[in-house]
Amino acid sequence: MNYALIGCGRISTNHITAAKKNHLTITAVCDVKEDHMERLLEKHGLQDDATIKRYTDYKKMIEENEIELISIATESGLHAEIALYCIEHGIHVIIEKPMAMSMADANAIIQKAEEKKVKVSACHQNRFNIAVQEMRKALEAGRFGKLSHGSIHVRWNRTEGYYKQASWRGTWTQDGGALMNQCIHGIDLLRWMLGDEVEEVYGQTRQQFHPYLETEDIGMAVVKFKNGAIATIEGTTNVYPKNLEETLYLFGEKGTVKLGGTSANNIDVWVFAEETDADKRKKGLEEATSNVYGNGHTSLFADVIDAIRNDRPPYVDAIAGRNALELVLAIYKSQKNGMPVQLPLDDFSSTDMKGVL
């Protein structure tokens, strides 16, 4: 399957690794900065591969090559524009989070993909973490019983040096703040585990330690789900002196699970009313990862490839991407208006937050 990558920045190495492990034919890479492409290819021992074409214009790349699957790893503000162009040309797409920066763009991607019969996957790769999959299996088996509540805590650190890597970071137009960039993976997991259907959100955001940004570095919210469960969200880049944890809690009448580690990749607590031998093996499970992005990109790519070949929806589809985005934008809107926000969310964009913080 012919594959191309648009955007060769910080996260792109996970995409190339996933492409290689899934035996995709890397046809082309694209970035507005040529040195980014060369650095990425060199890192993966591909710098001398003459079959991999380099482009600074993604439209020209698509025009000149037969590509079946493209992943988009540019600055967030360009995700929707590029995705819509790829879909219009019949190309299947993996979109890094967030899928878009507005509800209008997210809905447009879903609609266009249905029209063109193209597969779109939002790159929420942590759904493939071993620990997350075990929690999901227990949930689907009904082992928690009635759900009481849940919470996600993304307690990370980002310094000024991180934000100076690229001028688009921490802007409302191209990035969003800690909730949109760093915490959206955890927010996706929380919403997915608690039934997806959100009734109301109340949020507060602040900028405490990064005055050179437009956006928040700490956000908290209370979420009410239609099934009666409630949840809390804490997302920040203010933890001193380095990343601390990403923890996901789920509390039910017959079970309690806490996932921990830097990216919800460990099982810290695993307790159910009816314990099995398999449960004993799950306690203390740790999935080794080389970075906070975890190992899920390879599994997500494998799933998308299978979805294309067997004409089925991807495990993490565009609707999942829209749902995670919707919850982040609802928190932003709540901060802007000082009131709880009802879902589903009418059109709202990260750029509606300009001047709020």
Protein backbone atom coordinates (compact mmCIF):
# COMPACT_ATOMS: atom_id res chain seq x y z
CA MET A 1 0.00 0.00 0.00
CA ASN A 2 1.50 3.33 -1.08
CA TYR A 3 1.85 5.70 1.87
CA ALA A 4 2.89 9.33 2.32
CA LEU A 5 3.46 11.57 5.32
CA ILE A 6 2.62 15.27 5.50
CA GLY A 7 4.47 17.03 8.32
CA CYS A 8 7.90 15.90 9.53
CA GLY A 9 8.08 17.45 12.99
CA ARG A 10 8.17 16.07 16.53
CA ILE A 11 5.56 13.28 16.19
CA SER A 12 6.48 12.21 12.65
CA THR A 13 9.01 9.60 13.77
CA ASN A 14 6.16 7.54 15.26
CA HIS A 15 4.37 7.63 11.90
CA ILE A 16 7.41 6.50 9.92
CA THR A 17 8.09 3.76 12.47
CA ALA A 18 4.48 2.57 12.18
CA ALA A 19 4.62 2.70 8.38
CA LYS A 20 7.79 0.60 8.31
CA LYS A 21 6.53 -1.96 10.82
CA ASN A 22 3.34 -2.36 8.78
CA HIS A 23 5.32 -2.83 5.54
CA LEU A 24 3.81 0.19 3.80
CA THR A 25 5.59 1.51 0.72
CA ILE A 26 6.77 4.96 1.78
CA THR A 27 6.22 6.83 -1.45
CA ALA A 28 6.78 10.42 -0.35
CA VAL A 29 7.21 12.80 2.57
CA CYS A 30 6.23 16.45 2.69
CA ASP A 31 7.20 19.41 4.86
CA VAL A 32 7.62 23.11 4.22
CA LYS A 33 11.11 22.81 5.74
CA GLU A 34 13.39 20.53 3.72
CA ASP A 35 15.76 19.93 6.63
CA HIS A 36 12.89 18.42 8.63
CA MET A 37 12.36 15.81 5.93
CA GLU A 38 16.03 14.94 5.66
CA ARG A 39 16.47 14.70 9.43
CA LEU A 40 13.48 12.37 9.72
CA LEU A 41 14.57 10.09 6.89
CA GLU A 42 18.12 9.94 8.20
CA LYS A 43 16.84 8.97 11.66
CA HIS A 44 15.16 5.94 10.09
CA GLY A 45 17.98 5.04 7.72
CA LEU A 46 16.00 6.13 4.67
CA GLN A 47 18.07 9.12 3.55
CA ASP A 48 19.56 7.24 0.60
CA ASP A 49 16.30 5.67 -0.57
CA ALA A 50 15.78 7.29 -3.97
CA THR A 51 12.24 5.90 -4.24
CA ILE A 52 11.04 8.23 -1.45
CA LYS A 53 10.19 11.58 -2.99
CA ARG A 54 10.41 14.87 -1.08
CA TYR A 55 7.89 17.67 -1.40
CA THR A 56 7.28 21.06 0.16
CA ASP A 57 3.80 21.26 -1.43
CA TYR A 58 1.38 18.49 -0.44
CA LYS A 59 -0.96 19.24 -3.35
CA LYS A 60 1.86 18.66 -5.82
CA MET A 61 2.77 15.45 -4.00
CA ILE A 62 -0.79 14.16 -4.36
CA GLU A 63 -0.97 15.25 -7.99
CA GLU A 64 2.24 13.43 -8.97
CA ASN A 65 1.86 10.15 -7.08
CA GLU A 66 -0.55 7.25 -6.63
CA ILE A 67 -1.07 7.30 -2.87
CA GLU A 68 -3.60 5.18 -0.98
CA LEU A 69 -2.94 6.29 2.60
CA ILE A 70 -1.65 9.58 3.99
CA SER A 71 -0.99 10.57 7.58
CA ILE A 72 -1.16 14.22 8.56
CA ALA A 73 1.23 15.39 11.28
CA THR A 74 1.46 19.13 10.66
CA GLU A 75 0.54 21.92 13.06
CA SER A 76 -3.00 21.33 14.26
CA GLY A 77 -4.52 24.34 12.53
CA LEU A 78 -3.79 22.80 9.12
CA HIS A 79 -5.17 19.31 9.83
CA ALA A 80 -8.68 19.90 8.53
CA GLU A 81 -7.68 21.76 5.36
CA ILE A 82 -5.19 19.06 4.36
CA ALA A 83 -7.51 16.20 5.33
CA LEU A 84 -10.38 17.58 3.25
CA TYR A 85 -8.06 17.91 0.23
CA CYS A 86 -6.84 14.32 0.62
CA ILE A 87 -10.38 12.98 1.04
CA GLU A 88 -11.56 14.92 -2.01
CA HIS A 89 -8.86 13.07 -3.98
CA GLY A 90 -10.01 9.67 -2.68
CA ILE A 91 -7.10 9.10 -0.30
CA HIS A 92 -7.55 7.41 3.07
CA VAL A 93 -6.28 9.52 5.98
CA ILE A 94 -4.82 9.20 9.47
CA ILE A 95 -5.05 12.60 11.19
CA GLU A 96 -2.95 13.46 14.22
CA LYS A 97 -4.87 14.90 17.13
CA PRO A 98 -6.76 17.15 17.28
CA MET A 99 -8.59 16.16 14.12
CA ALA A 100 -9.59 19.78 13.57
CA MET A 101 -9.80 23.05 15.51
CA SER A 102 -13.53 23.69 15.03
CA MET A 103 -16.72 21.68 15.12
CA ALA A 104 -17.56 22.86 11.60
CA ASP A 105 -14.33 21.42 10.18
CA ALA A 106 -14.65 18.15 12.11
CA ASN A 107 -18.19 17.66 10.82
CA ALA A 108 -17.07 18.53 7.29
CA ILE A 109 -14.38 15.82 7.42
CA ILE A 110 -16.92 13.20 8.53
CA GLN A 111 -19.41 14.21 5.84
CA LYS A 112 -16.83 14.37 3.03
CA ALA A 113 -15.37 10.97 4.01
CA GLU A 114 -18.83 9.41 3.80
CA GLU A 115 -19.43 10.98 0.39
CA LYS A 116 -16.10 9.81 -1.01
CA LYS A 117 -16.18 6.41 0.77
CA VAL A 118 -12.79 7.14 2.29
CA LYS A 119 -11.51 5.83 5.65
CA VAL A 120 -10.51 8.47 8.17
CA SER A 121 -8.87 7.67 11.49
CA ALA A 122 -8.22 10.16 14.27
CA CYS A 123 -4.82 9.36 15.73
CA HIS A 124 -5.83 8.64 19.32
CA GLN A 125 -3.28 5.86 19.56
CA ASN A 126 -3.52 5.41 23.33
CA ARG A 127 -6.70 3.41 22.80
CA PHE A 128 -4.34 0.61 21.73
CA ASN A 129 -2.30 0.66 24.97
CA ILE A 130 -2.36 -2.80 26.53
CA ALA A 131 -3.63 -1.36 29.82
CA VAL A 132 -6.36 0.64 28.08
CA GLN A 133 -7.47 -2.40 26.09
CA GLU A 134 -7.72 -4.46 29.29
CA MET A 135 -9.87 -1.76 30.92
CA ARG A 136 -12.09 -1.63 27.85
CA LYS A 137 -12.55 -5.43 27.77
CA ALA A 138 -13.58 -5.43 31.43
CA LEU A 139 -16.00 -2.57 30.78
CA GLU A 140 -17.59 -4.26 27.76
CA ALA A 141 -17.91 -7.48 29.74
CA GLY A 142 -19.95 -5.60 32.34
CA ARG A 143 -17.47 -6.28 35.13
CA PHE A 144 -17.70 -2.75 36.56
CA GLY A 145 -21.48 -2.95 36.97
CA LYS A 146 -23.12 0.45 37.14
CA LEU A 147 -20.56 3.21 36.64
CA SER A 148 -20.25 5.84 39.33
CA HIS A 149 -17.55 8.19 38.02
CA GLY A 150 -14.17 8.52 36.40
CA SER A 151 -11.32 10.97 36.02
CA ILE A 152 -8.33 11.76 33.84
CA HIS A 153 -5.23 13.56 35.07
CA VAL A 154 -2.58 14.61 32.56
CA ARG A 155 0.17 16.11 34.70
CA TRP A 156 2.99 17.00 32.38
CA ASN A 157 5.71 19.59 31.93
CA ARG A 158 6.42 21.80 28.93
CA THR A 159 9.14 24.42 29.10
CA GLU A 160 9.71 27.56 27.07
CA GLY A 161 12.22 25.58 25.01
CA TYR A 162 9.47 23.20 23.90
CA TYR A 163 7.24 26.03 22.72
CA LYS A 164 10.10 27.78 20.90
CA GLN A 165 10.61 24.71 18.70
CA ALA A 166 7.82 26.05 16.49
CA SER A 167 6.10 29.43 16.33
CA TRP A 168 2.64 27.87 16.01
CA ARG A 169 2.74 26.24 19.44
CA GLY A 170 0.45 27.76 22.04
CA THR A 171 -1.56 29.80 19.53
CA TRP A 172 -5.34 29.68 19.24
CA THR A 173 -5.20 29.47 15.44
CA GLN A 174 -2.75 26.59 15.06
CA ASP A 175 -2.51 24.70 18.35
CA GLY A 176 -4.76 25.46 21.30
CA GLY A 177 -3.54 25.03 24.86
CA ALA A 178 -2.68 22.18 27.21
CA LEU A 179 -6.15 20.63 26.94
CA MET A 180 -6.17 20.60 23.14
CA ASN A 181 -2.58 19.55 22.55
CA GLN A 182 -1.28 17.48 25.45
CA CYS A 183 -4.47 16.31 27.17
CA ILE A 184 -6.83 15.42 24.32
CA HIS A 185 -5.65 11.78 24.32
CA GLY A 186 -6.71 11.35 27.94
CA ILE A 187 -9.94 13.24 27.30
CA ASP A 188 -10.66 10.85 24.43
CA LEU A 189 -10.13 7.84 26.72
CA LEU A 190 -12.34 9.27 29.46
CA ARG A 191 -15.23 10.03 27.13
CA TRP A 192 -14.92 6.64 25.41
CA MET A 193 -14.93 4.71 28.68
CA LEU A 194 -17.86 6.56 30.19
CA GLY A 195 -20.27 6.05 27.33
CA ASP A 196 -19.42 8.88 24.88
CA GLU A 197 -22.75 10.69 25.36
CA VAL A 198 -22.05 13.87 27.33
CA GLU A 199 -24.87 16.01 28.67
CA GLU A 200 -23.08 18.98 30.25
CA VAL A 201 -19.58 20.36 30.87
CA TYR A 202 -18.34 23.03 33.23
CA GLY A 203 -14.71 24.07 32.90
CA GLN A 204 -12.10 26.51 34.09
CA THR A 205 -8.79 27.28 32.38
CA ARG A 206 -5.85 29.45 33.35
CA GLN A 207 -2.43 30.47 32.14
CA GLN A 208 -0.10 30.34 35.13
CA PHE A 209 3.52 29.84 34.04
CA HIS A 210 3.68 30.45 30.26
CA PRO A 211 2.94 34.17 29.67
CA TYR A 212 4.46 34.05 26.16
CA LEU A 213 1.54 31.87 24.96
CA GLU A 214 -1.98 32.83 23.93
CA THR A 215 -3.46 29.68 25.47
CA GLU A 216 -4.04 27.88 28.78
CA ASP A 217 -1.45 25.79 30.61
CA ILE A 218 -3.96 24.39 33.12
CA GLY A 219 -7.55 23.31 32.61
CA MET A 220 -10.07 21.53 34.80
CA ALA A 221 -13.62 20.41 34.17
CA VAL A 222 -16.57 18.48 35.54
CA VAL A 223 -18.45 16.38 32.98
CA LYS A 224 -21.96 14.97 33.31
CA PHE A 225 -22.76 11.97 31.11
CA LYS A 226 -26.21 10.98 29.90
CA ASN A 227 -25.89 7.57 31.58
CA GLY A 228 -25.70 9.31 34.97
CA ALA A 229 -21.95 8.99 35.51
CA ILE A 230 -19.86 12.07 36.27
CA ALA A 231 -16.19 12.73 35.62
CA THR A 232 -13.40 15.20 36.24
CA ILE A 233 -10.65 16.35 33.90
CA GLU A 234 -7.30 17.84 34.94
CA GLY A 235 -4.82 18.76 32.25
CA THR A 236 -1.68 20.80 32.66
CA THR A 237 1.84 21.45 31.41
CA ASN A 238 2.83 23.11 34.71
CA VAL A 239 4.22 20.14 36.66
CA TYR A 240 7.72 20.74 38.00
CA PRO A 241 10.28 19.63 36.94
CA LYS A 242 9.19 17.01 34.35
CA ASN A 243 6.26 14.88 33.18
CA LEU A 244 4.67 13.19 36.18
CA GLU A 245 1.80 10.99 35.00
CA GLU A 246 -1.27 10.41 32.92
CA THR A 247 -3.77 8.57 35.07
CA LEU A 248 -7.21 7.30 34.14
CA TYR A 249 -9.61 6.16 36.87
CA LEU A 250 -12.86 4.23 36.42
CA PHE A 251 -15.12 3.48 39.39
CA GLY A 252 -18.06 1.08 39.24
CA GLU A 253 -20.23 -0.73 41.77
CA LYS A 254 -18.25 -3.94 41.25
CA GLY A 255 -14.83 -2.73 40.14
CA THR A 256 -12.10 -0.09 40.42
CA VAL A 257 -9.29 0.39 37.91
CA LYS A 258 -6.54 2.98 37.81
CA LEU A 259 -4.28 3.24 34.79
CA GLY A 260 -1.02 5.13 35.28
CA GLY A 261 2.43 5.70 33.86
CA THR A 262 3.34 8.65 31.69
CA SER A 263 0.60 7.90 29.13
CA ALA A 264 -1.95 5.56 30.77
CA ASN A 265 0.28 2.62 29.84
CA ASN A 266 0.40 0.85 33.23
CA ILE A 267 -2.19 -0.83 35.45
CA ASP A 268 -1.75 0.60 38.96
CA VAL A 269 -5.00 -0.69 40.49
CA TRP A 270 -7.15 -3.59 39.25
CA VAL A 271 -9.87 -4.78 41.65
CA PHE A 272 -13.15 -6.56 40.83
CA ALA A 273 -15.78 -8.23 42.98
CA GLU A 274 -15.30 -11.56 41.22
CA GLU A 275 -11.55 -11.95 40.81
CA THR A 276 -10.15 -14.41 38.26
CA ASP A 277 -6.68 -15.87 37.79
CA ALA A 278 -6.26 -13.54 34.81
CA ASP A 279 -6.94 -10.56 37.09
CA LYS A 280 -3.93 -11.47 39.23
CA ARG A 281 -1.68 -11.28 36.16
CA LYS A 282 -2.99 -7.85 35.20
CA LYS A 283 -2.08 -6.21 38.50
CA GLY A 284 1.11 -4.22 38.11
CA LEU A 285 1.18 -4.54 34.31
CA GLU A 286 3.64 -2.08 32.76
CA GLU A 287 4.01 -1.45 29.05
CA ALA A 288 7.45 -0.04 28.30
CA THR A 289 7.40 3.03 26.04
CA SER A 290 10.21 5.11 24.58
CA ASN A 291 8.26 8.38 24.85
CA VAL A 292 4.95 9.86 26.03
CA TYR A 293 3.33 9.00 22.70
CA GLY A 294 3.41 5.31 23.65
CA ASN A 295 3.43 2.37 21.22
CA GLY A 296 -0.04 2.74 19.76
CA HIS A 297 0.77 4.27 16.38
CA THR A 298 1.88 0.91 14.96
CA SER A 299 -1.36 -0.77 16.06
CA LEU A 300 -3.47 2.13 14.82
CA PHE A 301 -1.80 1.98 11.40
CA ALA A 302 -2.36 -1.80 11.27
CA ASP A 303 -6.05 -1.31 12.05
CA VAL A 304 -6.50 1.39 9.39
CA ILE A 305 -4.78 -0.77 6.76
CA ASP A 306 -7.12 -3.65 7.64
CA ALA A 307 -10.14 -1.30 7.58
CA ILE A 308 -9.20 -0.18 4.05
CA ARG A 309 -8.70 -3.73 2.80
CA ASN A 310 -11.90 -5.07 4.37
CA ASP A 311 -14.03 -1.96 3.87
CA ARG A 312 -14.97 -1.44 7.50
CA PRO A 313 -14.77 1.58 9.84
CA PRO A 314 -11.42 2.08 11.62
CA TYR A 315 -11.35 1.24 15.32
CA VAL A 316 -10.65 4.92 16.05
CA ASP A 317 -12.74 6.69 13.42
CA ALA A 318 -13.41 10.33 12.59
CA ILE A 319 -16.40 10.40 14.94
CA ALA A 320 -14.07 9.54 17.82
CA GLY A 321 -11.87 12.44 16.79
CA ARG A 322 -14.83 14.78 16.70
CA ASN A 323 -16.01 13.62 20.14
CA ALA A 324 -12.65 14.34 21.78
CA LEU A 325 -12.47 17.74 20.07
CA GLU A 326 -16.03 18.55 21.12
CA LEU A 327 -15.27 17.97 24.79
CA VAL A 328 -12.17 20.20 24.68
CA LEU A 329 -14.06 22.96 22.88
CA ALA A 330 -16.94 22.69 25.36
CA ILE A 331 -14.49 23.32 28.22
CA TYR A 332 -13.13 26.33 26.36
CA LYS A 333 -16.63 27.67 25.73
CA SER A 334 -17.49 27.21 29.40
CA GLN A 335 -14.42 29.23 30.39
CA LYS A 336 -15.35 31.95 27.91
CA ASN A 337 -18.98 32.22 29.04
CA GLY A 338 -18.51 31.38 32.72
CA MET A 339 -21.38 28.90 32.48
CA PRO A 340 -21.93 25.15 32.01
CA VAL A 341 -22.17 24.12 28.36
CA GLN A 342 -24.76 21.68 27.01
CA LEU A 343 -23.79 19.09 24.44
CA PRO A 344 -24.01 18.43 21.53
CA LEU A 345 -21.94 21.54 20.91
CA ASP A 346 -23.00 23.90 18.16
CA ASP A 347 -20.19 25.33 16.10
CA PHE A 348 -17.31 26.56 18.23
CA SER A 349 -13.66 27.01 17.34
CA SER A 350 -10.40 27.42 19.21
CA THR A 351 -10.12 30.85 17.58
CA ASP A 352 -13.27 31.90 19.48
CA MET A 353 -11.00 31.92 22.54
CA LYS A 354 -8.76 34.73 21.28
CA GLY A 355 -8.40 37.33 24.00
CA VAL A 356 -10.11 35.20 26.64
CA LEU A 357 -6.89 34.31 28.46
